[in-house]
Amino acid sequence: MSTNPFDDDKGSFFVLINDEEQ
């Protein structure tokens, strides 16, 4: 990812989900 994951609406969503799983 070139841009920050939180820069995109869906990107931040997936990051939150990924963090929850771990």
N, C-alpha and C. Protein backbone atom coordinates (compact mmCIF):
# COMPACT_ATOMS: atom_id res chain seq x y z
N MET A 1 0.85 -1.21 0.00
CA MET A 1 0.00 0.00 0.00
C MET A 1 0.88 1.25 0.00
N SER A 2 0.70 2.08 -0.99
CA SER A 2 1.48 3.32 -1.05
C SER A 2 0.96 4.30 -0.02
N THR A 3 -0.38 4.45 0.01
CA THR A 3 -0.97 5.40 0.95
C THR A 3 -1.27 4.71 2.27
N ASN A 4 -1.51 5.51 3.28
CA ASN A 4 -1.83 4.95 4.59
C ASN A 4 -3.15 4.18 4.54
N PRO A 5 -3.25 3.10 5.28
CA PRO A 5 -4.48 2.29 5.29
C PRO A 5 -5.69 3.09 5.76
N PHE A 6 -5.45 4.04 6.66
CA PHE A 6 -6.56 4.83 7.19
C PHE A 6 -6.98 5.94 6.23
N ASP A 7 -6.18 6.12 5.17
CA ASP A 7 -6.50 7.17 4.19
C ASP A 7 -7.78 6.82 3.43
N ASP A 8 -8.01 5.52 3.25
CA ASP A 8 -9.21 5.08 2.52
C ASP A 8 -10.27 4.58 3.50
N ASP A 9 -11.53 4.84 3.18
CA ASP A 9 -12.60 4.43 4.07
C ASP A 9 -12.61 2.91 4.25
N LYS A 10 -12.57 2.19 3.14
CA LYS A 10 -12.58 0.72 3.21
C LYS A 10 -11.25 0.22 3.76
N GLY A 11 -10.18 0.91 3.44
CA GLY A 11 -8.87 0.51 3.92
C GLY A 11 -8.84 0.48 5.44
N SER A 12 -9.35 1.54 6.06
CA SER A 12 -9.37 1.61 7.52
C SER A 12 -10.26 0.51 8.08
N PHE A 13 -11.35 0.21 7.37
CA PHE A 13 -12.29 -0.83 7.83
C PHE A 13 -11.59 -2.18 7.87
N PHE A 14 -10.87 -2.52 6.81
CA PHE A 14 -10.18 -3.80 6.76
C PHE A 14 -9.08 -3.87 7.81
N VAL A 15 -8.43 -2.75 8.05
CA VAL A 15 -7.36 -2.71 9.06
C VAL A 15 -7.95 -3.00 10.43
N LEU A 16 -9.10 -2.41 10.72
CA LEU A 16 -9.75 -2.63 12.01
C LEU A 16 -10.12 -4.10 12.17
N ILE A 17 -10.66 -4.69 11.12
CA ILE A 17 -11.06 -6.10 11.17
C ILE A 17 -9.83 -6.99 11.35
N ASN A 18 -8.77 -6.68 10.63
CA ASN A 18 -7.55 -7.46 10.73
C ASN A 18 -6.98 -7.38 12.15
N ASP A 19 -7.02 -6.21 12.74
CA ASP A 19 -6.50 -6.01 14.08
C ASP A 19 -7.34 -6.81 15.09
N GLU A 20 -8.64 -6.85 14.87
CA GLU A 20 -9.54 -7.58 15.77
C GLU A 20 -9.23 -9.08 15.74
N GLU A 21 -8.95 -9.61 14.56
CA GLU A 21 -8.67 -11.05 14.45
C GLU A 21 -7.40 -11.41 15.19
N GLN A 22 -6.43 -10.53 15.18
CA GLN A 22 -5.18 -10.81 15.87
C GLN A 22 -5.27 -10.31 17.30
